[in-house]
Amino acid sequence: MVKLTLIARVTDGLPLAEGLDDGRDVQNADFYKQQVKALFKNLSMRQNDASRMSIETGPYVFHYIIEGHVCYLTMCDRSYPKKLAFQYLEDLKNEFERANGSQIETAARPYAFIKFDTFIQKTKKLYQDTRTQRNISKLNDELYEVHQIMTRNVQEVLGVGEKLDQVSQMSSRLTSESRIYADKAKDLNRQALIRKWAPVAIVLGVVILFFWLRTKIW
């Protein structure tokens, strides 16, 4: 069965629409939604250029397609036919582009197209029961094949992003520490200059004060 459906802009990972009742029958739904957000982040960083992919996660599989800078993603049971999952996404893609295509790039707030949920719910109902004549016909449709679509594990996909994040964090930390060390070095140089020239300045000050007092007295 189809469990989750989310649509996001690939260029920045901004979520555009989501099935509003998604996750009610999924244990740890928030955990899987966090994985989806991490996947969208990876896609926005161009860490995965595949336009169609299936990603196994626990008892489920994420299926996604990317078209026109938009990622259409659904999470289904592992037993759910891959062919139906991708045809479901194709239906969402076609309608989303038709209804919102001109506004996708200018959307500035998350879930700007939340009203698209109505179409998501309607379409999801059509694909829930794999035994209907309609879905059996789609499964037998040889015009739409999914054998070439790669299947990977979620840890393999997100692990790349985690490693890059770690490198980025380490780089930021090193940059921050180098600035601290540079500031400390400036302070030490300043203190060294003070220690070196302070005695000279004191002697000069005493001499100048002595001559000034002498001119006042005499």
N, C-alpha and C. Protein backbone atom coordinates (compact mmCIF):
# COMPACT_ATOMS: atom_id res chain seq x y z
N MET A 1 0.83 -1.21 0.00
CA MET A 1 0.00 0.00 0.00
C MET A 1 0.86 1.26 0.00
N VAL A 2 0.32 2.33 -0.52
CA VAL A 2 0.99 3.63 -0.50
C VAL A 2 0.85 4.21 0.91
N LYS A 3 1.99 4.58 1.53
CA LYS A 3 1.98 5.05 2.91
C LYS A 3 2.21 6.56 3.03
N LEU A 4 3.21 7.05 2.33
CA LEU A 4 3.54 8.48 2.38
C LEU A 4 3.65 9.02 0.96
N THR A 5 3.33 10.28 0.79
CA THR A 5 3.52 10.96 -0.50
C THR A 5 3.98 12.38 -0.23
N LEU A 6 5.14 12.74 -0.77
CA LEU A 6 5.67 14.08 -0.58
C LEU A 6 6.24 14.61 -1.90
N ILE A 7 6.10 15.90 -2.10
CA ILE A 7 6.61 16.57 -3.30
C ILE A 7 7.49 17.72 -2.85
N ALA A 8 8.68 17.83 -3.44
CA ALA A 8 9.61 18.89 -3.03
C ALA A 8 10.36 19.44 -4.24
N ARG A 9 10.84 20.68 -4.10
CA ARG A 9 11.66 21.29 -5.16
C ARG A 9 13.09 20.82 -4.97
N VAL A 10 13.69 20.32 -6.03
CA VAL A 10 15.01 19.71 -5.94
C VAL A 10 16.10 20.75 -5.68
N THR A 11 15.97 21.93 -6.24
CA THR A 11 17.05 22.91 -6.16
C THR A 11 17.39 23.33 -4.74
N ASP A 12 16.39 23.34 -3.85
CA ASP A 12 16.66 23.74 -2.46
C ASP A 12 16.00 22.85 -1.42
N GLY A 13 15.34 21.77 -1.86
CA GLY A 13 14.71 20.85 -0.93
C GLY A 13 13.42 21.35 -0.31
N LEU A 14 12.87 22.49 -0.81
CA LEU A 14 11.66 23.06 -0.23
C LEU A 14 10.47 22.13 -0.44
N PRO A 15 9.79 21.68 0.64
CA PRO A 15 8.60 20.84 0.46
C PRO A 15 7.47 21.65 -0.15
N LEU A 16 6.83 21.12 -1.16
CA LEU A 16 5.77 21.83 -1.87
C LEU A 16 4.37 21.30 -1.53
N ALA A 17 4.25 19.99 -1.36
CA ALA A 17 2.95 19.39 -1.06
C ALA A 17 3.16 18.06 -0.38
N GLU A 18 2.13 17.61 0.33
CA GLU A 18 2.22 16.35 1.06
C GLU A 18 0.81 15.79 1.26
N GLY A 19 0.71 14.47 1.29
CA GLY A 19 -0.57 13.86 1.63
C GLY A 19 -0.88 14.12 3.09
N LEU A 20 -1.98 14.82 3.38
CA LEU A 20 -2.23 15.29 4.74
C LEU A 20 -2.48 14.18 5.74
N ASP A 21 -2.99 13.04 5.30
CA ASP A 21 -3.24 11.96 6.26
C ASP A 21 -2.12 10.92 6.24
N ASP A 22 -1.04 11.24 5.58
CA ASP A 22 0.08 10.30 5.47
C ASP A 22 0.68 10.00 6.84
N GLY A 23 0.96 8.73 7.07
CA GLY A 23 1.67 8.34 8.28
C GLY A 23 0.79 7.88 9.42
N ARG A 24 -0.52 8.00 9.28
CA ARG A 24 -1.41 7.61 10.38
C ARG A 24 -1.32 6.11 10.68
N ASP A 25 -1.09 5.31 9.67
CA ASP A 25 -1.01 3.86 9.87
C ASP A 25 0.42 3.35 9.77
N VAL A 26 1.39 4.26 9.94
CA VAL A 26 2.80 3.88 9.86
C VAL A 26 3.46 4.07 11.22
N GLN A 27 4.05 3.00 11.74
CA GLN A 27 4.81 3.14 12.98
C GLN A 27 6.08 3.93 12.70
N ASN A 28 6.42 4.82 13.63
CA ASN A 28 7.61 5.67 13.48
C ASN A 28 7.54 6.52 12.20
N ALA A 29 6.35 7.05 11.92
CA ALA A 29 6.17 7.85 10.70
C ALA A 29 7.12 9.05 10.69
N ASP A 30 7.34 9.68 11.85
CA ASP A 30 8.24 10.84 11.90
C ASP A 30 9.66 10.45 11.50
N PHE A 31 10.08 9.25 11.90
CA PHE A 31 11.42 8.77 11.55
C PHE A 31 11.58 8.70 10.03
N TYR A 32 10.57 8.15 9.35
CA TYR A 32 10.66 8.01 7.90
C TYR A 32 10.56 9.38 7.21
N LYS A 33 9.78 10.28 7.79
CA LYS A 33 9.70 11.63 7.22
C LYS A 33 11.04 12.35 7.35
N GLN A 34 11.76 12.09 8.45
CA GLN A 34 13.10 12.67 8.59
C GLN A 34 14.04 12.12 7.53
N GLN A 35 13.89 10.84 7.21
CA GLN A 35 14.71 10.26 6.15
C GLN A 35 14.40 10.92 4.81
N VAL A 36 13.11 11.19 4.57
CA VAL A 36 12.72 11.86 3.33
C VAL A 36 13.35 13.24 3.25
N LYS A 37 13.31 13.99 4.36
CA LYS A 37 13.92 15.33 4.38
C LYS A 37 15.41 15.25 4.10
N ALA A 38 16.07 14.24 4.68
CA ALA A 38 17.50 14.06 4.44
C ALA A 38 17.75 13.72 2.97
N LEU A 39 16.88 12.92 2.39
CA LEU A 39 17.01 12.58 0.97
C LEU A 39 16.83 13.81 0.10
N PHE A 40 15.82 14.64 0.40
CA PHE A 40 15.62 15.87 -0.35
C PHE A 40 16.84 16.78 -0.25
N LYS A 41 17.43 16.82 0.95
CA LYS A 41 18.63 17.65 1.15
C LYS A 41 19.77 17.14 0.27
N ASN A 42 19.94 15.82 0.23
CA ASN A 42 20.98 15.24 -0.62
C ASN A 42 20.75 15.58 -2.08
N LEU A 43 19.49 15.48 -2.51
CA LEU A 43 19.17 15.79 -3.90
C LEU A 43 19.45 17.26 -4.22
N SER A 44 19.16 18.15 -3.25
CA SER A 44 19.40 19.58 -3.48
C SER A 44 20.89 19.88 -3.59
N MET A 45 21.73 19.01 -3.00
CA MET A 45 23.18 19.18 -3.05
C MET A 45 23.79 18.41 -4.22
N ARG A 46 22.90 17.88 -5.11
CA ARG A 46 23.32 17.15 -6.31
C ARG A 46 24.16 15.93 -5.96
N GLN A 47 23.83 15.26 -4.83
CA GLN A 47 24.58 14.07 -4.44
C GLN A 47 24.05 12.82 -5.13
N ASN A 48 22.92 12.95 -5.78
CA ASN A 48 22.36 11.79 -6.49
C ASN A 48 21.65 12.32 -7.73
N ASP A 49 22.18 11.99 -8.90
CA ASP A 49 21.64 12.54 -10.14
C ASP A 49 20.62 11.61 -10.81
N ALA A 50 20.32 10.47 -10.20
CA ALA A 50 19.36 9.55 -10.80
C ALA A 50 17.98 10.19 -10.78
N SER A 51 17.30 10.19 -11.93
CA SER A 51 15.98 10.82 -12.00
C SER A 51 14.87 9.90 -11.52
N ARG A 52 15.17 8.61 -11.40
CA ARG A 52 14.22 7.64 -10.88
C ARG A 52 14.97 6.63 -10.03
N MET A 53 14.45 6.36 -8.84
CA MET A 53 15.15 5.42 -7.97
C MET A 53 14.19 4.85 -6.93
N SER A 54 14.51 3.64 -6.48
CA SER A 54 13.82 3.01 -5.36
C SER A 54 14.83 2.83 -4.24
N ILE A 55 14.42 3.18 -3.01
CA ILE A 55 15.34 3.14 -1.87
C ILE A 55 14.68 2.35 -0.74
N GLU A 56 15.29 1.24 -0.38
CA GLU A 56 14.73 0.38 0.67
C GLU A 56 15.04 0.96 2.05
N THR A 57 14.01 0.96 2.91
CA THR A 57 14.17 1.45 4.28
C THR A 57 13.25 0.65 5.20
N GLY A 58 13.83 -0.19 6.04
CA GLY A 58 13.02 -1.02 6.93
C GLY A 58 12.04 -1.87 6.14
N PRO A 59 10.76 -1.91 6.56
CA PRO A 59 9.76 -2.71 5.84
C PRO A 59 9.17 -1.99 4.63
N TYR A 60 9.72 -0.81 4.29
CA TYR A 60 9.15 0.01 3.22
C TYR A 60 10.18 0.29 2.11
N VAL A 61 9.70 0.92 1.06
CA VAL A 61 10.55 1.36 -0.04
C VAL A 61 10.13 2.76 -0.46
N PHE A 62 11.11 3.67 -0.53
CA PHE A 62 10.86 4.99 -1.12
C PHE A 62 11.01 4.84 -2.63
N HIS A 63 10.06 5.36 -3.38
CA HIS A 63 10.18 5.46 -4.83
C HIS A 63 10.09 6.94 -5.19
N TYR A 64 10.96 7.41 -6.05
CA TYR A 64 10.85 8.81 -6.45
C TYR A 64 11.17 8.99 -7.93
N ILE A 65 10.60 10.06 -8.47
CA ILE A 65 10.96 10.51 -9.81
C ILE A 65 11.24 12.00 -9.73
N ILE A 66 12.16 12.46 -10.56
CA ILE A 66 12.51 13.89 -10.62
C ILE A 66 12.21 14.38 -12.02
N GLU A 67 11.46 15.43 -12.11
CA GLU A 67 11.09 16.02 -13.39
C GLU A 67 10.92 17.52 -13.21
N GLY A 68 11.58 18.32 -14.06
CA GLY A 68 11.43 19.76 -13.99
C GLY A 68 11.77 20.36 -12.64
N HIS A 69 12.88 19.92 -12.03
CA HIS A 69 13.35 20.43 -10.73
C HIS A 69 12.39 20.11 -9.58
N VAL A 70 11.54 19.11 -9.77
CA VAL A 70 10.62 18.70 -8.70
C VAL A 70 10.79 17.20 -8.47
N CYS A 71 10.82 16.82 -7.18
CA CYS A 71 10.91 15.41 -6.81
C CYS A 71 9.55 14.96 -6.28
N TYR A 72 9.03 13.89 -6.87
CA TYR A 72 7.78 13.28 -6.44
C TYR A 72 8.12 11.96 -5.77
N LEU A 73 7.81 11.83 -4.49
CA LEU A 73 8.25 10.67 -3.72
C LEU A 73 7.07 10.01 -3.01
N THR A 74 7.09 8.70 -2.99
CA THR A 74 6.11 7.95 -2.21
C THR A 74 6.82 6.84 -1.46
N MET A 75 6.28 6.48 -0.31
CA MET A 75 6.79 5.34 0.45
C MET A 75 5.70 4.26 0.46
N CYS A 76 6.07 3.06 0.08
CA CYS A 76 5.12 1.94 -0.01
C CYS A 76 5.66 0.74 0.76
N ASP A 77 4.75 -0.20 1.04
CA ASP A 77 5.19 -1.49 1.56
C ASP A 77 6.12 -2.15 0.55
N ARG A 78 7.05 -2.97 1.06
CA ARG A 78 7.98 -3.65 0.15
C ARG A 78 7.25 -4.55 -0.85
N SER A 79 6.09 -5.06 -0.43
CA SER A 79 5.34 -5.98 -1.30
C SER A 79 4.55 -5.26 -2.39
N TYR A 80 4.47 -3.93 -2.28
CA TYR A 80 3.68 -3.17 -3.26
C TYR A 80 4.42 -3.15 -4.59
N PRO A 81 3.73 -3.43 -5.69
CA PRO A 81 4.41 -3.49 -7.00
C PRO A 81 5.12 -2.18 -7.37
N LYS A 82 6.35 -2.31 -7.73
CA LYS A 82 7.16 -1.15 -8.12
C LYS A 82 6.55 -0.43 -9.31
N LYS A 83 6.00 -1.19 -10.22
CA LYS A 83 5.42 -0.61 -11.43
C LYS A 83 4.25 0.32 -11.10
N LEU A 84 3.39 -0.12 -10.16
CA LEU A 84 2.26 0.72 -9.76
C LEU A 84 2.73 1.96 -9.03
N ALA A 85 3.76 1.82 -8.20
CA ALA A 85 4.28 2.96 -7.45
C ALA A 85 4.74 4.06 -8.40
N PHE A 86 5.45 3.68 -9.44
CA PHE A 86 5.96 4.69 -10.37
C PHE A 86 4.86 5.25 -11.27
N GLN A 87 3.86 4.45 -11.58
CA GLN A 87 2.75 4.99 -12.36
C GLN A 87 1.93 5.96 -11.51
N TYR A 88 1.82 5.65 -10.22
CA TYR A 88 1.17 6.58 -9.29
C TYR A 88 1.90 7.93 -9.28
N LEU A 89 3.23 7.87 -9.20
CA LEU A 89 4.03 9.10 -9.21
C LEU A 89 3.90 9.85 -10.54
N GLU A 90 3.83 9.11 -11.63
CA GLU A 90 3.67 9.74 -12.94
C GLU A 90 2.35 10.51 -13.00
N ASP A 91 1.28 9.92 -12.45
CA ASP A 91 -0.01 10.61 -12.43
C ASP A 91 0.07 11.90 -11.62
N LEU A 92 0.75 11.83 -10.46
CA LEU A 92 0.91 13.03 -9.64
C LEU A 92 1.72 14.09 -10.39
N LYS A 93 2.79 13.65 -11.02
CA LYS A 93 3.66 14.58 -11.75
C LYS A 93 2.89 15.32 -12.85
N ASN A 94 2.16 14.56 -13.63
CA ASN A 94 1.43 15.17 -14.76
C ASN A 94 0.44 16.22 -14.29
N GLU A 95 -0.31 15.90 -13.22
CA GLU A 95 -1.31 16.84 -12.73
C GLU A 95 -0.66 18.03 -12.02
N PHE A 96 0.41 17.77 -11.27
CA PHE A 96 1.09 18.86 -10.55
C PHE A 96 1.68 19.86 -11.53
N GLU A 97 2.30 19.36 -12.58
CA GLU A 97 2.87 20.25 -13.60
C GLU A 97 1.77 21.04 -14.30
N ARG A 98 0.67 20.36 -14.60
CA ARG A 98 -0.43 21.04 -15.28
C ARG A 98 -1.03 22.15 -14.40
N ALA A 99 -1.23 21.87 -13.12
CA ALA A 99 -1.90 22.81 -12.24
C ALA A 99 -0.98 23.89 -11.68
N ASN A 100 0.30 23.56 -11.47
CA ASN A 100 1.18 24.48 -10.74
C ASN A 100 2.51 24.77 -11.43
N GLY A 101 2.68 24.26 -12.63
CA GLY A 101 3.98 24.36 -13.30
C GLY A 101 4.59 25.75 -13.33
N SER A 102 3.78 26.77 -13.57
CA SER A 102 4.31 28.13 -13.70
C SER A 102 4.69 28.76 -12.36
N GLN A 103 4.26 28.15 -11.26
CA GLN A 103 4.50 28.75 -9.94
C GLN A 103 5.56 28.02 -9.12
N ILE A 104 6.05 26.90 -9.63
CA ILE A 104 6.97 26.06 -8.86
C ILE A 104 8.25 26.81 -8.50
N GLU A 105 8.86 27.48 -9.46
CA GLU A 105 10.15 28.15 -9.21
C GLU A 105 10.02 29.35 -8.30
N THR A 106 8.84 29.97 -8.26
CA THR A 106 8.68 31.19 -7.45
C THR A 106 8.11 30.91 -6.07
N ALA A 107 7.74 29.68 -5.78
CA ALA A 107 7.21 29.34 -4.45
C ALA A 107 8.25 29.66 -3.39
N ALA A 108 7.84 30.39 -2.34
CA ALA A 108 8.80 30.84 -1.33
C ALA A 108 8.56 30.25 0.05
N ARG A 109 7.41 29.64 0.27
CA ARG A 109 7.12 29.10 1.60
C ARG A 109 6.85 27.60 1.49
N PRO A 110 7.16 26.84 2.57
CA PRO A 110 6.91 25.40 2.54
C PRO A 110 5.42 25.08 2.34
N TYR A 111 5.17 24.02 1.63
CA TYR A 111 3.81 23.51 1.36
C TYR A 111 2.91 24.59 0.72
N ALA A 112 3.49 25.30 -0.20
CA ALA A 112 2.73 26.35 -0.91
C ALA A 112 1.58 25.75 -1.72
N PHE A 113 1.68 24.45 -2.06
CA PHE A 113 0.64 23.83 -2.87
C PHE A 113 -0.07 22.72 -2.08
N ILE A 114 -0.32 23.00 -0.82
CA ILE A 114 -0.93 21.99 0.05
C ILE A 114 -2.32 21.57 -0.45
N LYS A 115 -2.98 22.43 -1.21
CA LYS A 115 -4.30 22.08 -1.76
C LYS A 115 -4.21 20.92 -2.74
N PHE A 116 -3.00 20.63 -3.20
CA PHE A 116 -2.82 19.50 -4.11
C PHE A 116 -3.11 18.17 -3.40
N ASP A 117 -3.20 18.22 -2.07
CA ASP A 117 -3.53 17.01 -1.31
C ASP A 117 -4.81 16.37 -1.78
N THR A 118 -5.77 17.17 -2.22
CA THR A 118 -7.05 16.62 -2.71
C THR A 118 -6.81 15.64 -3.85
N PHE A 119 -5.92 16.03 -4.78
CA PHE A 119 -5.62 15.14 -5.90
C PHE A 119 -4.81 13.93 -5.43
N ILE A 120 -3.90 14.16 -4.47
CA ILE A 120 -3.10 13.05 -3.94
C ILE A 120 -4.01 11.98 -3.34
N GLN A 121 -4.97 12.41 -2.51
CA GLN A 121 -5.86 11.46 -1.85
C GLN A 121 -6.71 10.70 -2.88
N LYS A 122 -7.22 11.42 -3.85
CA LYS A 122 -8.06 10.79 -4.88
C LYS A 122 -7.27 9.76 -5.68
N THR A 123 -6.05 10.12 -6.04
CA THR A 123 -5.23 9.22 -6.85
C THR A 123 -4.73 8.04 -6.03
N LYS A 124 -4.40 8.29 -4.77
CA LYS A 124 -3.91 7.21 -3.91
C LYS A 124 -4.96 6.11 -3.74
N LYS A 125 -6.22 6.50 -3.64
CA LYS A 125 -7.30 5.52 -3.51
C LYS A 125 -7.37 4.60 -4.71
N LEU A 126 -7.09 5.16 -5.89
CA LEU A 126 -7.13 4.35 -7.10
C LEU A 126 -6.03 3.29 -7.12
N TYR A 127 -4.91 3.58 -6.44
CA TYR A 127 -3.76 2.69 -6.48
C TYR A 127 -3.62 1.78 -5.26
N GLN A 128 -4.47 1.96 -4.26
CA GLN A 128 -4.30 1.19 -3.03
C GLN A 128 -4.52 -0.30 -3.23
N ASP A 129 -5.56 -0.68 -3.91
CA ASP A 129 -5.87 -2.09 -4.10
C ASP A 129 -5.26 -2.59 -5.41
N THR A 130 -4.25 -3.43 -5.28
CA THR A 130 -3.54 -3.91 -6.48
C THR A 130 -4.36 -4.92 -7.27
N ARG A 131 -5.49 -5.38 -6.70
CA ARG A 131 -6.27 -6.43 -7.36
C ARG A 131 -7.39 -5.89 -8.25
N THR A 132 -7.56 -4.58 -8.29
CA THR A 132 -8.62 -4.04 -9.16
C THR A 132 -8.24 -4.26 -10.62
N GLN A 133 -9.24 -4.31 -11.46
CA GLN A 133 -8.98 -4.54 -12.89
C GLN A 133 -8.11 -3.44 -13.47
N ARG A 134 -8.34 -2.23 -13.00
CA ARG A 134 -7.56 -1.08 -13.49
C ARG A 134 -6.07 -1.29 -13.20
N ASN A 135 -5.74 -1.67 -11.97
CA ASN A 135 -4.34 -1.82 -11.59
C ASN A 135 -3.72 -3.08 -12.18
N ILE A 136 -4.51 -4.12 -12.33
CA ILE A 136 -4.00 -5.32 -13.00
C ILE A 136 -3.62 -4.99 -14.44
N SER A 137 -4.44 -4.17 -15.09
CA SER A 137 -4.14 -3.75 -16.47
C SER A 137 -2.84 -2.95 -16.52
N LYS A 138 -2.65 -2.08 -15.52
CA LYS A 138 -1.42 -1.29 -15.48
C LYS A 138 -0.20 -2.18 -15.25
N LEU A 139 -0.36 -3.20 -14.43
CA LEU A 139 0.75 -4.11 -14.19
C LEU A 139 1.12 -4.88 -15.44
N ASN A 140 0.12 -5.13 -16.27
CA ASN A 140 0.36 -5.88 -17.50
C ASN A 140 0.76 -4.99 -18.68
N ASP A 141 0.75 -3.69 -18.45
CA ASP A 141 1.08 -2.74 -19.52
C ASP A 141 2.58 -2.81 -19.81
N GLU A 142 2.94 -3.30 -20.97
CA GLU A 142 4.35 -3.45 -21.32
C GLU A 142 4.99 -2.14 -21.78
N LEU A 143 4.17 -1.12 -21.95
CA LEU A 143 4.71 0.17 -22.40
C LEU A 143 5.44 0.90 -21.27
N TYR A 144 5.14 0.51 -20.03
CA TYR A 144 5.79 1.19 -18.91
C TYR A 144 6.56 0.15 -18.09
N GLU A 145 7.86 0.11 -18.28
CA GLU A 145 8.70 -0.85 -17.58
C GLU A 145 9.59 -0.15 -16.56
N VAL A 146 9.88 -0.86 -15.47
CA VAL A 146 10.67 -0.25 -14.39
C VAL A 146 11.92 -1.08 -14.06
N HIS A 147 12.23 -2.02 -14.93
CA HIS A 147 13.38 -2.90 -14.65
C HIS A 147 14.70 -2.13 -14.60
N GLN A 148 14.76 -1.03 -15.33
CA GLN A 148 16.01 -0.28 -15.39
C GLN A 148 16.20 0.65 -14.19
N ILE A 149 15.17 0.82 -13.38
CA ILE A 149 15.26 1.75 -12.25
C ILE A 149 16.05 1.09 -11.12
N MET A 150 17.07 1.77 -10.66
CA MET A 150 17.97 1.25 -9.65
C MET A 150 17.29 1.18 -8.28
N THR A 151 17.62 0.14 -7.52
CA THR A 151 17.16 0.01 -6.14
C THR A 151 18.37 0.03 -5.22
N ARG A 152 18.34 0.93 -4.22
CA ARG A 152 19.46 1.03 -3.29
C ARG A 152 18.93 1.03 -1.86
N ASN A 153 19.85 0.93 -0.90
CA ASN A 153 19.49 0.94 0.51
C ASN A 153 19.59 2.36 1.05
N VAL A 154 18.70 2.73 1.97
CA VAL A 154 18.65 4.10 2.46
C VAL A 154 19.95 4.50 3.16
N GLN A 155 20.60 3.55 3.86
CA GLN A 155 21.86 3.88 4.54
C GLN A 155 22.96 4.17 3.53
N GLU A 156 22.91 3.44 2.41
CA GLU A 156 23.89 3.68 1.35
C GLU A 156 23.70 5.06 0.74
N VAL A 157 22.44 5.44 0.52
CA VAL A 157 22.14 6.72 -0.11
C VAL A 157 22.41 7.88 0.85
N LEU A 158 21.88 7.80 2.06
CA LEU A 158 22.03 8.90 3.01
C LEU A 158 23.40 8.92 3.64
N GLY A 159 24.09 7.77 3.65
CA GLY A 159 25.43 7.73 4.23
C GLY A 159 26.38 8.65 3.52
N VAL A 160 26.21 8.78 2.20
CA VAL A 160 27.06 9.70 1.42
C VAL A 160 26.87 11.12 1.93
N GLY A 161 25.62 11.50 2.14
CA GLY A 161 25.33 12.85 2.63
C GLY A 161 25.87 13.07 4.02
N GLU A 162 25.75 12.01 4.89
CA GLU A 162 26.25 12.15 6.26
C GLU A 162 27.75 12.35 6.27
N LYS A 163 28.47 11.61 5.42
CA LYS A 163 29.92 11.77 5.36
C LYS A 163 30.29 13.17 4.89
N LEU A 164 29.58 13.66 3.87
CA LEU A 164 29.86 15.01 3.37
C LEU A 164 29.53 16.06 4.42
N ASP A 165 28.45 15.82 5.18
CA ASP A 165 28.10 16.74 6.26
C ASP A 165 29.20 16.76 7.31
N GLN A 166 29.74 15.58 7.63
CA GLN A 166 30.82 15.50 8.62
C GLN A 166 32.05 16.26 8.14
N VAL A 167 32.37 16.09 6.85
CA VAL A 167 33.52 16.83 6.29
C VAL A 167 33.27 18.33 6.35
N SER A 168 32.02 18.73 6.01
CA SER A 168 31.67 20.14 6.05
C SER A 168 31.77 20.70 7.46
N GLN A 169 31.26 19.91 8.45
CA GLN A 169 31.31 20.35 9.84
C GLN A 169 32.76 20.46 10.32
N MET A 170 33.59 19.46 9.91
CA MET A 170 35.00 19.49 10.31
C MET A 170 35.70 20.70 9.71
N SER A 171 35.39 20.99 8.44
CA SER A 171 35.98 22.15 7.78
C SER A 171 35.59 23.45 8.48
N SER A 172 34.30 23.54 8.84
CA SER A 172 33.82 24.74 9.55
C SER A 172 34.50 24.88 10.90
N ARG A 173 34.66 23.71 11.59
CA ARG A 173 35.30 23.75 12.90
C ARG A 173 36.76 24.18 12.80
N LEU A 174 37.45 23.64 11.78
CA LEU A 174 38.86 24.02 11.58
C LEU A 174 39.00 25.50 11.25
N THR A 175 38.06 26.00 10.42
CA THR A 175 38.08 27.42 10.08
C THR A 175 37.87 28.27 11.32
N SER A 176 36.92 27.86 12.17
CA SER A 176 36.64 28.60 13.40
C SER A 176 37.83 28.57 14.34
N GLU A 177 38.43 27.37 14.46
CA GLU A 177 39.59 27.24 15.36
C GLU A 177 40.78 28.04 14.84
N SER A 178 40.96 28.08 13.51
CA SER A 178 42.08 28.83 12.95
C SER A 178 41.91 30.33 13.22
N ARG A 179 40.64 30.80 13.20
CA ARG A 179 40.40 32.20 13.53
C ARG A 179 40.73 32.49 14.98
N ILE A 180 40.37 31.54 15.86
CA ILE A 180 40.67 31.71 17.29
C ILE A 180 42.17 31.77 17.50
N TYR A 181 42.89 30.83 16.84
CA TYR A 181 44.35 30.81 16.97
C TYR A 181 44.97 32.10 16.42
N ALA A 182 44.41 32.59 15.31
CA ALA A 182 44.93 33.83 14.73
C ALA A 182 44.73 35.00 15.69
N ASP A 183 43.57 35.07 16.33
CA ASP A 183 43.30 36.13 17.31
C ASP A 183 44.25 36.03 18.51
N LYS A 184 44.48 34.77 18.96
CA LYS A 184 45.39 34.58 20.09
C LYS A 184 46.81 34.99 19.71
N ALA A 185 47.19 34.67 18.46
CA ALA A 185 48.54 35.05 18.00
C ALA A 185 48.70 36.56 17.98
N LYS A 186 47.65 37.27 17.55
CA LYS A 186 47.71 38.74 17.55
C LYS A 186 47.86 39.27 18.97
N ASP A 187 47.12 38.68 19.91
CA ASP A 187 47.20 39.10 21.30
C ASP A 187 48.60 38.87 21.86
N LEU A 188 49.18 37.71 21.54
CA LEU A 188 50.54 37.40 22.03
C LEU A 188 51.56 38.36 21.44
N ASN A 189 51.41 38.66 20.15
CA ASN A 189 52.33 39.63 19.52
C ASN A 189 52.20 41.00 20.16
N ARG A 190 50.97 41.38 20.44
CA ARG A 190 50.72 42.67 21.08
C ARG A 190 51.36 42.72 22.47
N GLN A 191 51.20 41.63 23.23
CA GLN A 191 51.78 41.57 24.57
C GLN A 191 53.30 41.58 24.51
N ALA A 192 53.87 40.87 23.50
CA ALA A 192 55.33 40.85 23.34
C ALA A 192 55.85 42.24 23.03
N LEU A 193 55.15 42.98 22.18
CA LEU A 193 55.57 44.35 21.85
C LEU A 193 55.48 45.25 23.07
N ILE A 194 54.43 45.04 23.86
CA ILE A 194 54.28 45.87 25.07
C ILE A 194 55.42 45.60 26.04
N ARG A 195 55.73 44.30 26.25
CA ARG A 195 56.82 43.95 27.17
C ARG A 195 58.16 44.49 26.67
N LYS A 196 58.33 44.49 25.34
CA LYS A 196 59.61 44.94 24.77
C LYS A 196 59.78 46.44 24.89
N TRP A 197 58.72 47.19 24.59
CA TRP A 197 58.87 48.65 24.52
C TRP A 197 58.36 49.40 25.75
N ALA A 198 57.68 48.71 26.63
CA ALA A 198 57.18 49.39 27.83
C ALA A 198 58.30 50.00 28.67
N PRO A 199 59.40 49.26 28.93
CA PRO A 199 60.49 49.88 29.71
C PRO A 199 61.06 51.13 29.04
N VAL A 200 61.21 51.06 27.71
CA VAL A 200 61.74 52.21 26.98
C VAL A 200 60.78 53.39 27.10
N ALA A 201 59.47 53.09 26.97
CA ALA A 201 58.48 54.16 27.07
C ALA A 201 58.48 54.78 28.46
N ILE A 202 58.67 53.94 29.50
CA ILE A 202 58.69 54.44 30.88
C ILE A 202 59.90 55.35 31.09
N VAL A 203 61.07 54.88 30.60
CA VAL A 203 62.30 55.69 30.74
C VAL A 203 62.14 57.03 30.04
N LEU A 204 61.63 56.99 28.79
CA LEU A 204 61.42 58.23 28.04
C LEU A 204 60.45 59.14 28.78
N GLY A 205 59.40 58.53 29.34
CA GLY A 205 58.41 59.32 30.07
C GLY A 205 59.03 60.00 31.28
N VAL A 206 59.88 59.24 31.99
CA VAL A 206 60.55 59.82 33.17
C VAL A 206 61.48 60.96 32.76
N VAL A 207 62.24 60.75 31.68
CA VAL A 207 63.17 61.78 31.21
C VAL A 207 62.41 63.05 30.80
N ILE A 208 61.31 62.84 30.03
CA ILE A 208 60.52 64.00 29.60
C ILE A 208 59.92 64.73 30.79
N LEU A 209 59.44 63.96 31.78
CA LEU A 209 58.86 64.57 32.97
C LEU A 209 59.92 65.34 33.75
N PHE A 210 61.14 64.74 33.80
CA PHE A 210 62.23 65.41 34.52
C PHE A 210 62.56 66.77 33.89
N PHE A 211 62.70 66.77 32.54
CA PHE A 211 63.02 68.03 31.87
C PHE A 211 61.88 69.04 31.99
N TRP A 212 60.67 68.56 31.98
CA TRP A 212 59.51 69.47 32.10
C TRP A 212 59.48 70.12 33.49
N LEU A 213 59.73 69.28 34.51
CA LEU A 213 59.76 69.82 35.87
C LEU A 213 60.92 70.79 36.05
N ARG A 214 62.03 70.48 35.41
CA ARG A 214 63.22 71.36 35.52
C ARG A 214 62.94 72.72 34.92
N THR A 215 62.22 72.74 33.79
CA THR A 215 61.92 74.03 33.16
C THR A 215 60.95 74.82 34.03
N LYS A 216 60.07 74.12 34.73
CA LYS A 216 59.10 74.81 35.59
C LYS A 216 59.77 75.39 36.84
N ILE A 217 60.70 74.59 37.38
CA ILE A 217 61.36 75.02 38.62
C ILE A 217 62.40 76.13 38.34
N TRP A 218 63.17 75.92 37.29
CA TRP A 218 64.21 76.90 36.99
C TRP A 218 63.78 77.87 35.90
